[in-house]
Amino acid sequence: MKRYQPLHTITLALVLIFAITGILSINGCAPTKAVAAKSGAQLWAENCQRCHNTPSPASFSAEQWETIGMHMQTRALITQAEREKIVEFLKSSR
């Protein structure tokens, strides 16, 4: 009887590597060129205004925008790079 254990182990390892790579790219560890080319204002308009009316940047303090950015990164499924650009835009527009 042949043993197929090593082949299954290799296959499982490859699947896990691809899954982890995909998760890292979604979470902002690998920003795309498209994101890098966009300004915080563009990303704010594309990601925040699509779901609700966004408040004026002066509505919240810099610290509050940081907290809001962390929350919305999860809710809006934006990357870390996108969040950072949006929050910097909001803080500089106050």
N, C-alpha and C. Protein backbone atom coordinates (compact mmCIF):
# COMPACT_ATOMS: atom_id res chain seq x y z
N MET A 1 0.84 -1.18 0.00
CA MET A 1 0.00 0.00 0.00
C MET A 1 0.88 1.24 0.00
N LYS A 2 0.59 2.18 -0.91
CA LYS A 2 1.38 3.41 -1.02
C LYS A 2 0.93 4.41 0.03
N ARG A 3 1.88 5.19 0.47
CA ARG A 3 1.56 6.24 1.44
C ARG A 3 1.47 7.57 0.70
N TYR A 4 0.36 8.26 0.88
CA TYR A 4 0.14 9.54 0.22
C TYR A 4 0.23 10.71 1.19
N GLN A 5 0.61 10.43 2.39
CA GLN A 5 0.68 11.46 3.44
C GLN A 5 1.53 12.65 3.01
N PRO A 6 2.75 12.46 2.49
CA PRO A 6 3.58 13.61 2.13
C PRO A 6 2.92 14.50 1.06
N LEU A 7 2.25 13.90 0.10
CA LEU A 7 1.59 14.69 -0.94
C LEU A 7 0.47 15.53 -0.35
N HIS A 8 -0.30 14.96 0.55
CA HIS A 8 -1.38 15.71 1.19
C HIS A 8 -0.81 16.83 2.05
N THR A 9 0.28 16.58 2.72
CA THR A 9 0.92 17.59 3.56
C THR A 9 1.41 18.75 2.71
N ILE A 10 2.03 18.45 1.59
CA ILE A 10 2.53 19.49 0.68
C ILE A 10 1.36 20.30 0.12
N THR A 11 0.31 19.63 -0.28
CA THR A 11 -0.87 20.31 -0.82
C THR A 11 -1.49 21.23 0.23
N LEU A 12 -1.62 20.74 1.45
CA LEU A 12 -2.17 21.55 2.52
C LEU A 12 -1.29 22.75 2.80
N ALA A 13 0.01 22.56 2.79
CA ALA A 13 0.94 23.67 3.02
C ALA A 13 0.80 24.73 1.94
N LEU A 14 0.68 24.32 0.70
CA LEU A 14 0.52 25.28 -0.40
C LEU A 14 -0.80 26.05 -0.29
N VAL A 15 -1.86 25.36 0.06
CA VAL A 15 -3.16 26.01 0.24
C VAL A 15 -3.07 27.05 1.35
N LEU A 16 -2.43 26.70 2.45
CA LEU A 16 -2.28 27.64 3.57
C LEU A 16 -1.44 28.85 3.17
N ILE A 17 -0.38 28.64 2.42
CA ILE A 17 0.47 29.74 1.96
C ILE A 17 -0.34 30.70 1.09
N PHE A 18 -1.11 30.15 0.15
CA PHE A 18 -1.92 31.01 -0.71
C PHE A 18 -2.99 31.75 0.08
N ALA A 19 -3.59 31.10 1.05
CA ALA A 19 -4.62 31.74 1.87
C ALA A 19 -4.03 32.87 2.70
N ILE A 20 -2.89 32.62 3.31
CA ILE A 20 -2.25 33.66 4.13
C ILE A 20 -1.81 34.83 3.27
N THR A 21 -1.27 34.56 2.10
CA THR A 21 -0.86 35.62 1.19
C THR A 21 -2.06 36.48 0.80
N GLY A 22 -3.18 35.85 0.53
CA GLY A 22 -4.39 36.60 0.18
C GLY A 22 -4.89 37.44 1.33
N ILE A 23 -4.86 36.91 2.53
CA ILE A 23 -5.30 37.66 3.70
C ILE A 23 -4.40 38.85 3.94
N LEU A 24 -3.10 38.68 3.82
CA LEU A 24 -2.16 39.78 4.03
C LEU A 24 -2.38 40.90 3.02
N SER A 25 -2.65 40.54 1.77
CA SER A 25 -2.86 41.59 0.77
C SER A 25 -4.17 42.32 1.01
N ILE A 26 -5.19 41.64 1.51
CA ILE A 26 -6.46 42.28 1.83
C ILE A 26 -6.29 43.24 3.00
N ASN A 27 -5.50 42.88 3.99
CA ASN A 27 -5.34 43.68 5.19
C ASN A 27 -4.35 44.82 5.02
N GLY A 28 -3.88 45.06 3.84
CA GLY A 28 -3.06 46.23 3.61
C GLY A 28 -1.57 46.01 3.69
N CYS A 29 -1.11 44.82 3.76
CA CYS A 29 0.31 44.57 3.83
C CYS A 29 0.96 44.67 2.46
N ALA A 30 0.17 44.65 1.42
CA ALA A 30 0.69 44.77 0.06
C ALA A 30 -0.18 45.74 -0.72
N PRO A 31 0.01 47.06 -0.52
CA PRO A 31 -0.82 48.01 -1.23
C PRO A 31 -0.60 47.94 -2.73
N THR A 32 -1.66 48.11 -3.47
CA THR A 32 -1.57 48.04 -4.92
C THR A 32 -1.10 49.38 -5.48
N LYS A 33 -0.67 49.36 -6.73
CA LYS A 33 -0.24 50.60 -7.39
C LYS A 33 -1.41 51.57 -7.51
N ALA A 34 -2.62 51.04 -7.69
CA ALA A 34 -3.80 51.91 -7.82
C ALA A 34 -4.02 52.68 -6.53
N VAL A 35 -3.87 52.03 -5.40
CA VAL A 35 -4.04 52.70 -4.10
C VAL A 35 -2.93 53.71 -3.91
N ALA A 36 -1.71 53.35 -4.25
CA ALA A 36 -0.57 54.25 -4.08
C ALA A 36 -0.73 55.52 -4.90
N ALA A 37 -1.40 55.43 -6.04
CA ALA A 37 -1.56 56.58 -6.92
C ALA A 37 -2.69 57.51 -6.46
N LYS A 38 -3.58 57.05 -5.61
CA LYS A 38 -4.73 57.85 -5.20
C LYS A 38 -4.42 58.67 -3.95
N SER A 39 -5.03 59.84 -3.91
CA SER A 39 -4.86 60.69 -2.73
C SER A 39 -5.84 60.28 -1.65
N GLY A 40 -5.61 60.77 -0.45
CA GLY A 40 -6.53 60.51 0.66
C GLY A 40 -7.92 61.03 0.36
N ALA A 41 -7.99 62.18 -0.32
CA ALA A 41 -9.30 62.76 -0.66
C ALA A 41 -10.06 61.85 -1.63
N GLN A 42 -9.36 61.30 -2.60
CA GLN A 42 -10.00 60.37 -3.55
C GLN A 42 -10.50 59.13 -2.84
N LEU A 43 -9.66 58.57 -2.01
CA LEU A 43 -10.04 57.35 -1.28
C LEU A 43 -11.20 57.62 -0.33
N TRP A 44 -11.21 58.79 0.29
CA TRP A 44 -12.30 59.18 1.20
C TRP A 44 -13.61 59.24 0.43
N ALA A 45 -13.58 59.88 -0.74
CA ALA A 45 -14.80 59.99 -1.56
C ALA A 45 -15.27 58.62 -2.05
N GLU A 46 -14.35 57.78 -2.47
CA GLU A 46 -14.73 56.47 -3.01
C GLU A 46 -15.22 55.50 -1.94
N ASN A 47 -14.62 55.54 -0.77
CA ASN A 47 -14.91 54.52 0.24
C ASN A 47 -15.88 54.97 1.32
N CYS A 48 -15.87 56.21 1.68
CA CYS A 48 -16.70 56.66 2.81
C CYS A 48 -18.07 57.16 2.34
N GLN A 49 -18.06 57.92 1.28
CA GLN A 49 -19.31 58.51 0.82
C GLN A 49 -20.22 57.53 0.10
N ARG A 50 -19.74 56.35 -0.19
CA ARG A 50 -20.59 55.37 -0.88
C ARG A 50 -21.65 54.79 0.05
N CYS A 51 -21.40 54.83 1.37
CA CYS A 51 -22.34 54.23 2.32
C CYS A 51 -23.12 55.24 3.14
N HIS A 52 -22.55 56.39 3.38
CA HIS A 52 -23.24 57.37 4.22
C HIS A 52 -22.67 58.76 3.96
N ASN A 53 -23.41 59.76 4.41
CA ASN A 53 -22.92 61.13 4.32
C ASN A 53 -21.81 61.29 5.34
N THR A 54 -20.66 61.70 4.87
CA THR A 54 -19.53 61.83 5.76
C THR A 54 -19.54 63.20 6.42
N PRO A 55 -19.13 63.26 7.65
CA PRO A 55 -19.08 64.53 8.35
C PRO A 55 -17.91 65.38 7.87
N SER A 56 -17.93 66.63 8.20
CA SER A 56 -16.83 67.53 7.90
C SER A 56 -15.58 67.05 8.64
N PRO A 57 -14.40 67.22 8.05
CA PRO A 57 -13.18 66.84 8.76
C PRO A 57 -13.04 67.55 10.11
N ALA A 58 -13.63 68.72 10.25
CA ALA A 58 -13.54 69.47 11.51
C ALA A 58 -14.47 68.91 12.59
N SER A 59 -15.31 67.96 12.24
CA SER A 59 -16.27 67.40 13.20
C SER A 59 -15.60 66.58 14.30
N PHE A 60 -14.40 66.07 14.03
CA PHE A 60 -13.71 65.21 14.99
C PHE A 60 -12.26 65.64 15.14
N SER A 61 -11.68 65.33 16.29
CA SER A 61 -10.27 65.62 16.54
C SER A 61 -9.40 64.61 15.78
N ALA A 62 -8.10 64.90 15.74
CA ALA A 62 -7.17 63.98 15.06
C ALA A 62 -7.20 62.60 15.70
N GLU A 63 -7.28 62.55 17.02
CA GLU A 63 -7.33 61.26 17.73
C GLU A 63 -8.62 60.51 17.41
N GLN A 64 -9.72 61.26 17.32
CA GLN A 64 -10.99 60.61 16.99
C GLN A 64 -10.97 60.06 15.58
N TRP A 65 -10.35 60.80 14.64
CA TRP A 65 -10.26 60.29 13.26
C TRP A 65 -9.44 59.01 13.22
N GLU A 66 -8.40 58.92 14.04
CA GLU A 66 -7.61 57.68 14.09
C GLU A 66 -8.49 56.51 14.50
N THR A 67 -9.29 56.71 15.54
CA THR A 67 -10.18 55.65 16.03
C THR A 67 -11.23 55.31 14.99
N ILE A 68 -11.83 56.33 14.41
CA ILE A 68 -12.84 56.10 13.37
C ILE A 68 -12.23 55.36 12.19
N GLY A 69 -11.02 55.73 11.82
CA GLY A 69 -10.33 55.07 10.71
C GLY A 69 -10.12 53.59 10.98
N MET A 70 -9.71 53.25 12.19
CA MET A 70 -9.51 51.84 12.54
C MET A 70 -10.83 51.07 12.45
N HIS A 71 -11.89 51.67 12.96
CA HIS A 71 -13.20 51.02 12.92
C HIS A 71 -13.67 50.84 11.47
N MET A 72 -13.53 51.88 10.69
CA MET A 72 -14.03 51.82 9.32
C MET A 72 -13.16 50.95 8.41
N GLN A 73 -11.90 50.77 8.77
CA GLN A 73 -11.07 49.86 7.98
C GLN A 73 -11.69 48.47 7.99
N THR A 74 -12.17 48.06 9.15
CA THR A 74 -12.81 46.75 9.28
C THR A 74 -14.17 46.74 8.60
N ARG A 75 -14.95 47.78 8.83
CA ARG A 75 -16.31 47.82 8.30
C ARG A 75 -16.34 47.96 6.78
N ALA A 76 -15.48 48.80 6.24
CA ALA A 76 -15.51 49.08 4.80
C ALA A 76 -14.55 48.19 4.01
N LEU A 77 -13.83 47.33 4.72
CA LEU A 77 -12.87 46.43 4.07
C LEU A 77 -11.85 47.18 3.23
N ILE A 78 -11.29 48.25 3.81
CA ILE A 78 -10.22 48.97 3.14
C ILE A 78 -8.89 48.50 3.71
N THR A 79 -7.84 48.75 2.97
CA THR A 79 -6.52 48.32 3.41
C THR A 79 -5.95 49.31 4.42
N GLN A 80 -4.88 48.90 5.06
CA GLN A 80 -4.20 49.77 6.01
C GLN A 80 -3.67 51.01 5.30
N ALA A 81 -3.12 50.83 4.11
CA ALA A 81 -2.59 51.97 3.34
C ALA A 81 -3.70 52.96 3.00
N GLU A 82 -4.88 52.44 2.60
CA GLU A 82 -6.01 53.31 2.30
C GLU A 82 -6.45 54.06 3.55
N ARG A 83 -6.56 53.35 4.66
CA ARG A 83 -6.98 53.98 5.92
C ARG A 83 -6.02 55.10 6.31
N GLU A 84 -4.74 54.82 6.22
CA GLU A 84 -3.75 55.82 6.61
C GLU A 84 -3.86 57.07 5.76
N LYS A 85 -4.04 56.90 4.45
CA LYS A 85 -4.18 58.06 3.56
C LYS A 85 -5.45 58.85 3.87
N ILE A 86 -6.55 58.14 4.10
CA ILE A 86 -7.82 58.81 4.40
C ILE A 86 -7.71 59.59 5.71
N VAL A 87 -7.18 58.96 6.74
CA VAL A 87 -7.07 59.61 8.05
C VAL A 87 -6.13 60.82 7.96
N GLU A 88 -5.02 60.70 7.26
CA GLU A 88 -4.12 61.85 7.11
C GLU A 88 -4.82 62.99 6.38
N PHE A 89 -5.60 62.67 5.36
CA PHE A 89 -6.35 63.70 4.65
C PHE A 89 -7.32 64.40 5.59
N LEU A 90 -8.07 63.63 6.37
CA LEU A 90 -9.05 64.20 7.28
C LEU A 90 -8.39 65.05 8.36
N LYS A 91 -7.27 64.60 8.88
CA LYS A 91 -6.58 65.36 9.92
C LYS A 91 -5.98 66.66 9.36
N SER A 92 -5.52 66.62 8.12
CA SER A 92 -4.92 67.83 7.53
C SER A 92 -5.98 68.81 7.03
N SER A 93 -7.20 68.37 6.87
CA SER A 93 -8.28 69.22 6.36
C SER A 93 -9.05 69.93 7.45
N ARG A 94 -8.66 69.75 8.68
CA ARG A 94 -9.38 70.34 9.80
C ARG A 94 -9.23 71.82 9.86
